[in-house]
Amino acid sequence: MAVTDPGAGNERTALAWQRTALALVAGSAILSRLTFERLGAVALASVILAAPMGLWVFVESRGRYAHDAGINRRPQSRGGRAPLTLTIATLIVGFTELLALLVA
């Protein structure tokens, strides 16, 4: 019988959140670069809005991991802010791409 590390699930979850946040930042930057000629400032606005949201989720996931691991305690729960932020940022990127397809 294998013994599992009780902290491994927490670490995997934190890493998944960080990968998702970084993929959103990279995706918004790539999308902005590819659609800038067609959309101009709208493409730039997309990355200006989505990238900080993704970076905030990245920092938040590190803080959540530290809290759950007992390294750094927080005074209160963050609720559903990180999923909401990722959803909004993903919608911004998605609507920008949809607009780029409609303009073409």
PDB file of N, CA and C in Angstrom:
ATOM      1  N   MET A   1       0.835  -1.173   0.000  1.00  0.00           N
ATOM      2  CA  MET A   1       0.000   0.000   0.000  1.00  0.00           C
ATOM      3  C   MET A   1       0.887   1.246   0.000  1.00  0.00           C
ATOM      4  N   ALA A   2       0.615   2.151  -0.925  1.00  0.00           N
ATOM      5  CA  ALA A   2       1.409   3.366  -1.052  1.00  0.00           C
ATOM      6  C   ALA A   2       0.914   4.435  -0.087  1.00  0.00           C
ATOM      7  N   VAL A   3       1.851   5.138   0.487  1.00  0.00           N
ATOM      8  CA  VAL A   3       1.520   6.244   1.379  1.00  0.00           C
ATOM      9  C   VAL A   3       1.524   7.522   0.554  1.00  0.00           C
ATOM     10  N   THR A   4       0.453   8.277   0.624  1.00  0.00           N
ATOM     11  CA  THR A   4       0.371   9.518  -0.155  1.00  0.00           C
ATOM     12  C   THR A   4       0.677  10.707   0.727  1.00  0.00           C
ATOM     13  N   ASP A   5       1.189  11.725   0.111  1.00  0.00           N
ATOM     14  CA  ASP A   5       1.493  12.977   0.798  1.00  0.00           C
ATOM     15  C   ASP A   5       0.209  13.794   0.911  1.00  0.00           C
ATOM     16  N   PRO A   6      -0.213  14.158   2.122  1.00  0.00           N
ATOM     17  CA  PRO A   6      -1.463  14.909   2.246  1.00  0.00           C
ATOM     18  C   PRO A   6      -1.383  16.313   1.649  1.00  0.00           C
ATOM     19  N   GLY A   7      -0.205  16.843   1.442  1.00  0.00           N
ATOM     20  CA  GLY A   7      -0.060  18.180   0.867  1.00  0.00           C
ATOM     21  C   GLY A   7       0.044  18.184  -0.650  1.00  0.00           C
ATOM     22  N   ALA A   8       0.111  17.001  -1.262  1.00  0.00           N
ATOM     23  CA  ALA A   8       0.292  16.928  -2.708  1.00  0.00           C
ATOM     24  C   ALA A   8      -0.925  17.450  -3.459  1.00  0.00           C
ATOM     25  N   GLY A   9      -2.109  17.183  -2.965  1.00  0.00           N
ATOM     26  CA  GLY A   9      -3.321  17.674  -3.626  1.00  0.00           C
ATOM     27  C   GLY A   9      -3.384  19.192  -3.628  1.00  0.00           C
ATOM     28  N   ASN A  10      -3.019  19.784  -2.505  1.00  0.00           N
ATOM     29  CA  ASN A  10      -2.996  21.240  -2.402  1.00  0.00           C
ATOM     30  C   ASN A  10      -1.988  21.843  -3.374  1.00  0.00           C
ATOM     31  N   GLU A  11      -0.847  21.220  -3.484  1.00  0.00           N
ATOM     32  CA  GLU A  11       0.178  21.713  -4.404  1.00  0.00           C
ATOM     33  C   GLU A  11      -0.255  21.559  -5.862  1.00  0.00           C
ATOM     34  N   ARG A  12      -0.862  20.417  -6.200  1.00  0.00           N
ATOM     35  CA  ARG A  12      -1.340  20.217  -7.569  1.00  0.00           C
ATOM     36  C   ARG A  12      -2.415  21.233  -7.939  1.00  0.00           C
ATOM     37  N   THR A  13      -3.304  21.519  -6.996  1.00  0.00           N
ATOM     38  CA  THR A  13      -4.351  22.509  -7.245  1.00  0.00           C
ATOM     39  C   THR A  13      -3.752  23.885  -7.477  1.00  0.00           C
ATOM     40  N   ALA A  14      -2.803  24.275  -6.646  1.00  0.00           N
ATOM     41  CA  ALA A  14      -2.155  25.583  -6.802  1.00  0.00           C
ATOM     42  C   ALA A  14      -1.435  25.670  -8.144  1.00  0.00           C
ATOM     43  N   LEU A  15      -0.739  24.601  -8.523  1.00  0.00           N
ATOM     44  CA  LEU A  15      -0.040  24.606  -9.804  1.00  0.00           C
ATOM     45  C   LEU A  15      -1.011  24.684 -10.977  1.00  0.00           C
ATOM     46  N   ALA A  16      -2.156  24.024 -10.863  1.00  0.00           N
ATOM     47  CA  ALA A  16      -3.157  24.093 -11.929  1.00  0.00           C
ATOM     48  C   ALA A  16      -3.696  25.514 -12.075  1.00  0.00           C
ATOM     49  N   TRP A  17      -3.964  26.178 -10.963  1.00  0.00           N
ATOM     50  CA  TRP A  17      -4.428  27.569 -11.016  1.00  0.00           C
ATOM     51  C   TRP A  17      -3.359  28.468 -11.638  1.00  0.00           C
ATOM     52  N   GLN A  18      -2.101  28.238 -11.278  1.00  0.00           N
ATOM     53  CA  GLN A  18      -1.019  29.061 -11.815  1.00  0.00           C
ATOM     54  C   GLN A  18      -0.847  28.832 -13.312  1.00  0.00           C
ATOM     55  N   ARG A  19      -0.924  27.577 -13.756  1.00  0.00           N
ATOM     56  CA  ARG A  19      -0.836  27.292 -15.198  1.00  0.00           C
ATOM     57  C   ARG A  19      -1.967  27.961 -15.957  1.00  0.00           C
ATOM     58  N   THR A  20      -3.162  27.890 -15.404  1.00  0.00           N
ATOM     59  CA  THR A  20      -4.315  28.498 -16.058  1.00  0.00           C
ATOM     60  C   THR A  20      -4.153  30.006 -16.160  1.00  0.00           C
ATOM     61  N   ALA A  21      -3.707  30.625 -15.085  1.00  0.00           N
ATOM     62  CA  ALA A  21      -3.518  32.079 -15.085  1.00  0.00           C
ATOM     63  C   ALA A  21      -2.438  32.499 -16.084  1.00  0.00           C
ATOM     64  N   LEU A  22      -1.332  31.779 -16.109  1.00  0.00           N
ATOM     65  CA  LEU A  22      -0.260  32.119 -17.046  1.00  0.00           C
ATOM     66  C   LEU A  22      -0.686  31.866 -18.488  1.00  0.00           C
ATOM     67  N   ALA A  23      -1.468  30.822 -18.731  1.00  0.00           N
ATOM     68  CA  ALA A  23      -1.969  30.563 -20.082  1.00  0.00           C
ATOM     69  C   ALA A  23      -2.903  31.683 -20.530  1.00  0.00           C
ATOM     70  N   LEU A  24      -3.690  32.210 -19.614  1.00  0.00           N
ATOM     71  CA  LEU A  24      -4.577  33.326 -19.943  1.00  0.00           C
ATOM     72  C   LEU A  24      -3.766  34.577 -20.289  1.00  0.00           C
ATOM     73  N   VAL A  25      -2.748  34.870 -19.525  1.00  0.00           N
ATOM     74  CA  VAL A  25      -1.899  36.033 -19.814  1.00  0.00           C
ATOM     75  C   VAL A  25      -1.223  35.867 -21.174  1.00  0.00           C
ATOM     76  N   ALA A  26      -0.633  34.695 -21.406  1.00  0.00           N
ATOM     77  CA  ALA A  26       0.039  34.455 -22.689  1.00  0.00           C
ATOM     78  C   ALA A  26      -0.958  34.480 -23.836  1.00  0.00           C
ATOM     79  N   GLY A  27      -2.115  33.869 -23.643  1.00  0.00           N
ATOM     80  CA  GLY A  27      -3.131  33.853 -24.698  1.00  0.00           C
ATOM     81  C   GLY A  27      -3.639  35.238 -25.036  1.00  0.00           C
ATOM     82  N   SER A  28      -3.835  36.075 -24.021  1.00  0.00           N
ATOM     83  CA  SER A  28      -4.309  37.438 -24.291  1.00  0.00           C
ATOM     84  C   SER A  28      -3.250  38.250 -25.024  1.00  0.00           C
ATOM     85  N   ALA A  29      -1.976  38.039 -24.683  1.00  0.00           N
ATOM     86  CA  ALA A  29      -0.901  38.756 -25.370  1.00  0.00           C
ATOM     87  C   ALA A  29      -0.790  38.302 -26.830  1.00  0.00           C
ATOM     88  N   ILE A  30      -0.878  37.005 -27.061  1.00  0.00           N
ATOM     89  CA  ILE A  30      -0.805  36.485 -28.430  1.00  0.00           C
ATOM     90  C   ILE A  30      -1.998  36.954 -29.242  1.00  0.00           C
ATOM     91  N   LEU A  31      -3.178  36.898 -28.655  1.00  0.00           N
ATOM     92  CA  LEU A  31      -4.380  37.355 -29.341  1.00  0.00           C
ATOM     93  C   LEU A  31      -4.274  38.836 -29.706  1.00  0.00           C
ATOM     94  N   SER A  32      -3.777  39.617 -28.777  1.00  0.00           N
ATOM     95  CA  SER A  32      -3.618  41.042 -29.049  1.00  0.00           C
ATOM     96  C   SER A  32      -2.652  41.271 -30.211  1.00  0.00           C
ATOM     97  N   ARG A  33      -1.578  40.521 -30.224  1.00  0.00           N
ATOM     98  CA  ARG A  33      -0.583  40.665 -31.293  1.00  0.00           C
ATOM     99  C   ARG A  33      -1.164  40.269 -32.649  1.00  0.00           C
ATOM    100  N   LEU A  34      -1.938  39.201 -32.685  1.00  0.00           N
ATOM    101  CA  LEU A  34      -2.469  38.703 -33.950  1.00  0.00           C
ATOM    102  C   LEU A  34      -3.653  39.513 -34.479  1.00  0.00           C
ATOM    103  N   THR A  35      -4.381  40.174 -33.609  1.00  0.00           N
ATOM    104  CA  THR A  35      -5.574  40.911 -34.043  1.00  0.00           C
ATOM    105  C   THR A  35      -5.383  42.422 -34.027  1.00  0.00           C
ATOM    106  N   PHE A  36      -4.193  42.886 -33.732  1.00  0.00           N
ATOM    107  CA  PHE A  36      -3.969  44.327 -33.619  1.00  0.00           C
ATOM    108  C   PHE A  36      -4.215  45.051 -34.939  1.00  0.00           C
ATOM    109  N   GLU A  37      -3.829  44.457 -36.048  1.00  0.00           N
ATOM    110  CA  GLU A  37      -4.017  45.116 -37.348  1.00  0.00           C
ATOM    111  C   GLU A  37      -5.494  45.306 -37.679  1.00  0.00           C
ATOM    112  N   ARG A  38      -6.322  44.339 -37.295  1.00  0.00           N
ATOM    113  CA  ARG A  38      -7.760  44.436 -37.579  1.00  0.00           C
ATOM    114  C   ARG A  38      -8.519  45.269 -36.558  1.00  0.00           C
ATOM    115  N   LEU A  39      -8.149  45.155 -35.298  1.00  0.00           N
ATOM    116  CA  LEU A  39      -8.942  45.792 -34.237  1.00  0.00           C
ATOM    117  C   LEU A  39      -8.290  47.024 -33.621  1.00  0.00           C
ATOM    118  N   GLY A  40      -7.019  47.168 -33.771  1.00  0.00           N
ATOM    119  CA  GLY A  40      -6.322  48.332 -33.231  1.00  0.00           C
ATOM    120  C   GLY A  40      -6.385  48.399 -31.713  1.00  0.00           C
ATOM    121  N   ALA A  41      -6.928  49.485 -31.202  1.00  0.00           N
ATOM    122  CA  ALA A  41      -6.944  49.737 -29.762  1.00  0.00           C
ATOM    123  C   ALA A  41      -7.790  48.725 -28.994  1.00  0.00           C
ATOM    124  N   VAL A  42      -8.779  48.130 -29.646  1.00  0.00           N
ATOM    125  CA  VAL A  42      -9.616  47.139 -28.960  1.00  0.00           C
ATOM    126  C   VAL A  42      -8.773  45.914 -28.590  1.00  0.00           C
ATOM    127  N   ALA A  43      -7.898  45.502 -29.490  1.00  0.00           N
ATOM    128  CA  ALA A  43      -7.017  44.366 -29.209  1.00  0.00           C
ATOM    129  C   ALA A  43      -6.067  44.701 -28.071  1.00  0.00           C
ATOM    130  N   LEU A  44      -5.582  45.908 -28.054  1.00  0.00           N
ATOM    131  CA  LEU A  44      -4.691  46.345 -26.978  1.00  0.00           C
ATOM    132  C   LEU A  44      -5.445  46.438 -25.661  1.00  0.00           C
ATOM    133  N   ALA A  45      -6.682  46.916 -25.700  1.00  0.00           N
ATOM    134  CA  ALA A  45      -7.494  46.997 -24.481  1.00  0.00           C
ATOM    135  C   ALA A  45      -7.750  45.612 -23.905  1.00  0.00           C
ATOM    136  N   SER A  46      -7.897  44.629 -24.766  1.00  0.00           N
ATOM    137  CA  SER A  46      -8.126  43.261 -24.303  1.00  0.00           C
ATOM    138  C   SER A  46      -6.969  42.766 -23.443  1.00  0.00           C
ATOM    139  N   VAL A  47      -5.754  42.957 -23.917  1.00  0.00           N
ATOM    140  CA  VAL A  47      -4.597  42.496 -23.147  1.00  0.00           C
ATOM    141  C   VAL A  47      -4.385  43.372 -21.906  1.00  0.00           C
ATOM    142  N   ILE A  48      -4.709  44.649 -21.999  1.00  0.00           N
ATOM    143  CA  ILE A  48      -4.562  45.540 -20.843  1.00  0.00           C
ATOM    144  C   ILE A  48      -5.527  45.142 -19.723  1.00  0.00           C
ATOM    145  N   LEU A  49      -6.696  44.623 -20.095  1.00  0.00           N
ATOM    146  CA  LEU A  49      -7.660  44.187 -19.088  1.00  0.00           C
ATOM    147  C   LEU A  49      -7.409  42.758 -18.608  1.00  0.00           C
ATOM    148  N   ALA A  50      -7.134  41.842 -19.528  1.00  0.00           N
ATOM    149  CA  ALA A  50      -7.039  40.422 -19.179  1.00  0.00           C
ATOM    150  C   ALA A  50      -5.713  40.053 -18.502  1.00  0.00           C
ATOM    151  N   ALA A  51      -4.615  40.639 -18.913  1.00  0.00           N
ATOM    152  CA  ALA A  51      -3.314  40.262 -18.358  1.00  0.00           C
ATOM    153  C   ALA A  51      -3.208  40.549 -16.856  1.00  0.00           C
ATOM    154  N   PRO A  52      -3.581  41.740 -16.380  1.00  0.00           N
ATOM    155  CA  PRO A  52      -3.512  41.958 -14.928  1.00  0.00           C
ATOM    156  C   PRO A  52      -4.429  41.024 -14.136  1.00  0.00           C
ATOM    157  N   MET A  53      -5.576  40.688 -14.727  1.00  0.00           N
ATOM    158  CA  MET A  53      -6.471  39.746 -14.046  1.00  0.00           C
ATOM    159  C   MET A  53      -5.807  38.375 -13.908  1.00  0.00           C
ATOM    160  N   GLY A  54      -5.178  37.919 -14.980  1.00  0.00           N
ATOM    161  CA  GLY A  54      -4.475  36.640 -14.929  1.00  0.00           C
ATOM    162  C   GLY A  54      -3.316  36.663 -13.950  1.00  0.00           C
ATOM    163  N   LEU A  55      -2.582  37.765 -13.922  1.00  0.00           N
ATOM    164  CA  LEU A  55      -1.467  37.874 -12.979  1.00  0.00           C
ATOM    165  C   LEU A  55      -1.968  37.907 -11.540  1.00  0.00           C
ATOM    166  N   TRP A  56      -3.117  38.564 -11.299  1.00  0.00           N
ATOM    167  CA  TRP A  56      -3.681  38.583  -9.954  1.00  0.00           C
ATOM    168  C   TRP A  56      -4.076  37.172  -9.519  1.00  0.00           C
ATOM    169  N   VAL A  57      -4.677  36.400 -10.425  1.00  0.00           N
ATOM    170  CA  VAL A  57      -5.052  35.024 -10.101  1.00  0.00           C
ATOM    171  C   VAL A  57      -3.800  34.201  -9.793  1.00  0.00           C
ATOM    172  N   PHE A  58      -2.721  34.438 -10.515  1.00  0.00           N
ATOM    173  CA  PHE A  58      -1.463  33.742 -10.255  1.00  0.00           C
ATOM    174  C   PHE A  58      -0.975  34.027  -8.834  1.00  0.00           C
ATOM    175  N   VAL A  59      -0.952  35.301  -8.461  1.00  0.00           N
ATOM    176  CA  VAL A  59      -0.505  35.686  -7.117  1.00  0.00           C
ATOM    177  C   VAL A  59      -1.467  35.147  -6.061  1.00  0.00           C
ATOM    178  N   GLU A  60      -2.751  35.216  -6.338  1.00  0.00           N
ATOM    179  CA  GLU A  60      -3.764  34.711  -5.407  1.00  0.00           C
ATOM    180  C   GLU A  60      -3.603  33.210  -5.178  1.00  0.00           C
ATOM    181  N   SER A  61      -3.301  32.458  -6.232  1.00  0.00           N
ATOM    182  CA  SER A  61      -3.145  31.012  -6.074  1.00  0.00           C
ATOM    183  C   SER A  61      -1.928  30.685  -5.217  1.00  0.00           C
ATOM    184  N   ARG A  62      -0.881  31.467  -5.343  1.00  0.00           N
ATOM    185  CA  ARG A  62       0.294  31.260  -4.496  1.00  0.00           C
ATOM    186  C   ARG A  62      -0.039  31.564  -3.037  1.00  0.00           C
ATOM    187  N   GLY A  63      -0.809  32.631  -2.819  1.00  0.00           N
ATOM    188  CA  GLY A  63      -1.229  32.967  -1.461  1.00  0.00           C
ATOM    189  C   GLY A  63      -2.149  31.918  -0.865  1.00  0.00           C
ATOM    190  N   ARG A  64      -3.061  31.388  -1.687  1.00  0.00           N
ATOM    191  CA  ARG A  64      -3.965  30.341  -1.211  1.00  0.00           C
ATOM    192  C   ARG A  64      -3.187  29.086  -0.838  1.00  0.00           C
ATOM    193  N   TYR A  65      -2.192  28.735  -1.671  1.00  0.00           N
ATOM    194  CA  TYR A  65      -1.375  27.564  -1.360  1.00  0.00           C
ATOM    195  C   TYR A  65      -0.628  27.766  -0.046  1.00  0.00           C
ATOM    196  N   ALA A  66      -0.029  28.942   0.135  1.00  0.00           N
ATOM    197  CA  ALA A  66       0.703  29.217   1.371  1.00  0.00           C
ATOM    198  C   ALA A  66      -0.229  29.158   2.578  1.00  0.00           C
ATOM    199  N   HIS A  67      -1.441  29.645   2.437  1.00  0.00           N
ATOM    200  CA  HIS A  67      -2.409  29.601   3.531  1.00  0.00           C
ATOM    201  C   HIS A  67      -2.795  28.164   3.854  1.00  0.00           C
ATOM    202  N   ASP A  68      -3.124  27.377   2.823  1.00  0.00           N
ATOM    203  CA  ASP A  68      -3.540  25.999   3.039  1.00  0.00           C
ATOM    204  C   ASP A  68      -2.409  25.123   3.561  1.00  0.00           C
ATOM    205  N   ALA A  69      -1.177  25.456   3.204  1.00  0.00           N
ATOM    206  CA  ALA A  69      -0.024  24.687   3.680  1.00  0.00           C
ATOM    207  C   ALA A  69       0.402  25.113   5.087  1.00  0.00           C
ATOM    208  N   GLY A  70      -0.195  26.193   5.587  1.00  0.00           N
ATOM    209  CA  GLY A  70       0.147  26.662   6.927  1.00  0.00           C
ATOM    210  C   GLY A  70       1.370  27.553   6.977  1.00  0.00           C
ATOM    211  N   ILE A  71       1.871  27.967   5.830  1.00  0.00           N
ATOM    212  CA  ILE A  71       3.059  28.808   5.765  1.00  0.00           C
ATOM    213  C   ILE A  71       2.723  30.256   6.111  1.00  0.00           C
ATOM    214  N   ASN A  72       1.626  30.733   5.581  1.00  0.00           N
ATOM    215  CA  ASN A  72       1.221  32.128   5.765  1.00  0.00           C
ATOM    216  C   ASN A  72      -0.293  32.160   5.941  1.00  0.00           C
ATOM    217  N   ARG A  73      -0.754  32.528   7.097  1.00  0.00           N
ATOM    218  CA  ARG A  73      -2.188  32.526   7.383  1.00  0.00           C
ATOM    219  C   ARG A  73      -2.837  33.825   6.944  1.00  0.00           C
ATOM    220  N   ARG A  74      -4.053  33.700   6.391  1.00  0.00           N
ATOM    221  CA  ARG A  74      -4.854  34.857   5.998  1.00  0.00           C
ATOM    222  C   ARG A  74      -5.966  35.053   7.020  1.00  0.00           C
ATOM    223  N   PRO A  75      -6.391  36.281   7.207  1.00  0.00           N
ATOM    224  CA  PRO A  75      -7.445  36.514   8.189  1.00  0.00           C
ATOM    225  C   PRO A  75      -8.818  36.021   7.747  1.00  0.00           C
ATOM    226  N   GLN A  76      -9.089  35.971   6.433  1.00  0.00           N
ATOM    227  CA  GLN A  76     -10.411  35.571   5.964  1.00  0.00           C
ATOM    228  C   GLN A  76     -10.324  34.831   4.641  1.00  0.00           C
ATOM    229  N   SER A  77     -11.408  34.143   4.308  1.00  0.00           N
ATOM    230  CA  SER A  77     -11.487  33.426   3.048  1.00  0.00           C
ATOM    231  C   SER A  77     -11.678  34.416   1.900  1.00  0.00           C
ATOM    232  N   ARG A  78     -11.181  34.067   0.722  1.00  0.00           N
ATOM    233  CA  ARG A  78     -11.296  34.936  -0.443  1.00  0.00           C
ATOM    234  C   ARG A  78     -12.578  34.700  -1.226  1.00  0.00           C
ATOM    235  N   GLY A  79     -13.333  33.685  -0.863  1.00  0.00           N
ATOM    236  CA  GLY A  79     -14.575  33.423  -1.584  1.00  0.00           C
ATOM    237  C   GLY A  79     -14.307  32.951  -2.999  1.00  0.00           C
ATOM    238  N   GLY A  80     -15.115  33.398  -3.937  1.00  0.00           N
ATOM    239  CA  GLY A  80     -14.984  32.968  -5.319  1.00  0.00           C
ATOM    240  C   GLY A  80     -14.390  34.015  -6.226  1.00  0.00           C
ATOM    241  N   ARG A  81     -13.533  34.866  -5.704  1.00  0.00           N
ATOM    242  CA  ARG A  81     -12.967  35.944  -6.529  1.00  0.00           C
ATOM    243  C   ARG A  81     -12.068  35.438  -7.639  1.00  0.00           C
ATOM    244  N   ALA A  82     -11.249  34.433  -7.369  1.00  0.00           N
ATOM    245  CA  ALA A  82     -10.323  33.938  -8.395  1.00  0.00           C
ATOM    246  C   ALA A  82     -11.082  33.301  -9.566  1.00  0.00           C
ATOM    247  N   PRO A  83     -12.055  32.416  -9.327  1.00  0.00           N
ATOM    248  CA  PRO A  83     -12.797  31.866 -10.468  1.00  0.00           C
ATOM    249  C   PRO A  83     -13.561  32.942 -11.242  1.00  0.00           C
ATOM    250  N   LEU A  84     -14.130  33.902 -10.525  1.00  0.00           N
ATOM    251  CA  LEU A  84     -14.854  34.987 -11.193  1.00  0.00           C
ATOM    252  C   LEU A  84     -13.907  35.820 -12.053  1.00  0.00           C
ATOM    253  N   THR A  85     -12.739  36.120 -11.530  1.00  0.00           N
ATOM    254  CA  THR A  85     -11.751  36.905 -12.275  1.00  0.00           C
ATOM    255  C   THR A  85     -11.305  36.160 -13.530  1.00  0.00           C
ATOM    256  N   LEU A  86     -11.046  34.859 -13.409  1.00  0.00           N
ATOM    257  CA  LEU A  86     -10.658  34.079 -14.587  1.00  0.00           C
ATOM    258  C   LEU A  86     -11.783  34.023 -15.612  1.00  0.00           C
ATOM    259  N   THR A  87     -13.008  33.915 -15.142  1.00  0.00           N
ATOM    260  CA  THR A  87     -14.145  33.885 -16.058  1.00  0.00           C
ATOM    261  C   THR A  87     -14.271  35.192 -16.821  1.00  0.00           C
ATOM    262  N   ILE A  88     -14.166  36.305 -16.125  1.00  0.00           N
ATOM    263  CA  ILE A  88     -14.273  37.619 -16.773  1.00  0.00           C
ATOM    264  C   ILE A  88     -13.135  37.814 -17.772  1.00  0.00           C
ATOM    265  N   ALA A  89     -11.914  37.471 -17.372  1.00  0.00           N
ATOM    266  CA  ALA A  89     -10.770  37.634 -18.276  1.00  0.00           C
ATOM    267  C   ALA A  89     -10.907  36.737 -19.505  1.00  0.00           C
ATOM    268  N   THR A  90     -11.392  35.520 -19.315  1.00  0.00           N
ATOM    269  CA  THR A  90     -11.603  34.619 -20.451  1.00  0.00           C
ATOM    270  C   THR A  90     -12.677  35.156 -21.383  1.00  0.00           C
ATOM    271  N   LEU A  91     -13.735  35.729 -20.825  1.00  0.00           N
ATOM    272  CA  LEU A  91     -14.779  36.334 -21.651  1.00  0.00           C
ATOM    273  C   LEU A  91     -14.245  37.531 -22.443  1.00  0.00           C
ATOM    274  N   ILE A  92     -13.398  38.329 -21.829  1.00  0.00           N
ATOM    275  CA  ILE A  92     -12.798  39.467 -22.531  1.00  0.00           C
ATOM    276  C   ILE A  92     -12.000  38.980 -23.731  1.00  0.00           C
ATOM    277  N   VAL A  93     -11.164  37.967 -23.505  1.00  0.00           N
ATOM    278  CA  VAL A  93     -10.350  37.421 -24.591  1.00  0.00           C
ATOM    279  C   VAL A  93     -11.248  36.789 -25.658  1.00  0.00           C
ATOM    280  N   GLY A  94     -12.267  36.062 -25.235  1.00  0.00           N
ATOM    281  CA  GLY A  94     -13.177  35.427 -26.187  1.00  0.00           C
ATOM    282  C   GLY A  94     -13.952  36.425 -27.027  1.00  0.00           C
ATOM    283  N   PHE A  95     -14.459  37.478 -26.401  1.00  0.00           N
ATOM    284  CA  PHE A  95     -15.191  38.499 -27.147  1.00  0.00           C
ATOM    285  C   PHE A  95     -14.277  39.258 -28.107  1.00  0.00           C
ATOM    286  N   THR A  96     -13.023  39.446 -27.712  1.00  0.00           N
ATOM    287  CA  THR A  96     -12.075  40.101 -28.613  1.00  0.00           C
ATOM    288  C   THR A  96     -11.845  39.240 -29.854  1.00  0.00           C
ATOM    289  N   GLU A  97     -11.694  37.946 -29.652  1.00  0.00           N
ATOM    290  CA  GLU A  97     -11.490  37.049 -30.794  1.00  0.00           C
ATOM    291  C   GLU A  97     -12.744  36.992 -31.656  1.00  0.00           C
ATOM    292  N   LEU A  98     -13.902  36.961 -31.044  1.00  0.00           N
ATOM    293  CA  LEU A  98     -15.152  36.961 -31.801  1.00  0.00           C
ATOM    294  C   LEU A  98     -15.281  38.231 -32.634  1.00  0.00           C
ATOM    295  N   LEU A  99     -14.939  39.352 -32.049  1.00  0.00           N
ATOM    296  CA  LEU A  99     -14.966  40.621 -32.777  1.00  0.00           C
ATOM    297  C   LEU A  99     -13.988  40.608 -33.948  1.00  0.00           C
ATOM    298  N   ALA A 100     -12.806  40.025 -33.712  1.00  0.00           N
ATOM    299  CA  ALA A 100     -11.820  39.931 -34.796  1.00  0.00           C
ATOM    300  C   ALA A 100     -12.333  39.057 -35.935  1.00  0.00           C
ATOM    301  N   LEU A 101     -13.062  38.016 -35.615  1.00  0.00           N
ATOM    302  CA  LEU A 101     -13.623  37.155 -36.662  1.00  0.00           C
ATOM    303  C   LEU A 101     -14.729  37.861 -37.423  1.00  0.00           C
ATOM    304  N   LEU A 102     -15.525  38.655 -36.746  1.00  0.00           N
ATOM    305  CA  LEU A 102     -16.629  39.363 -37.392  1.00  0.00           C
ATOM    306  C   LEU A 102     -16.132  40.512 -38.260  1.00  0.00           C
ATOM    307  N   VAL A 103     -15.030  41.135 -37.877  1.00  0.00           N
ATOM    308  CA  VAL A 103     -14.486  42.266 -38.623  1.00  0.00           C
ATOM    309  C   VAL A 103     -13.805  41.776 -39.894  1.00  0.00           C
ATOM    310  N   ALA A 104     -13.268  40.589 -39.869  1.00  0.00           N
ATOM    311  CA  ALA A 104     -12.519  40.054 -41.019  1.00  0.00           C
ATOM    312  C   ALA A 104     -13.335  39.883 -42.209  1.00  0.00           C
TER     313      ALA A 104
END
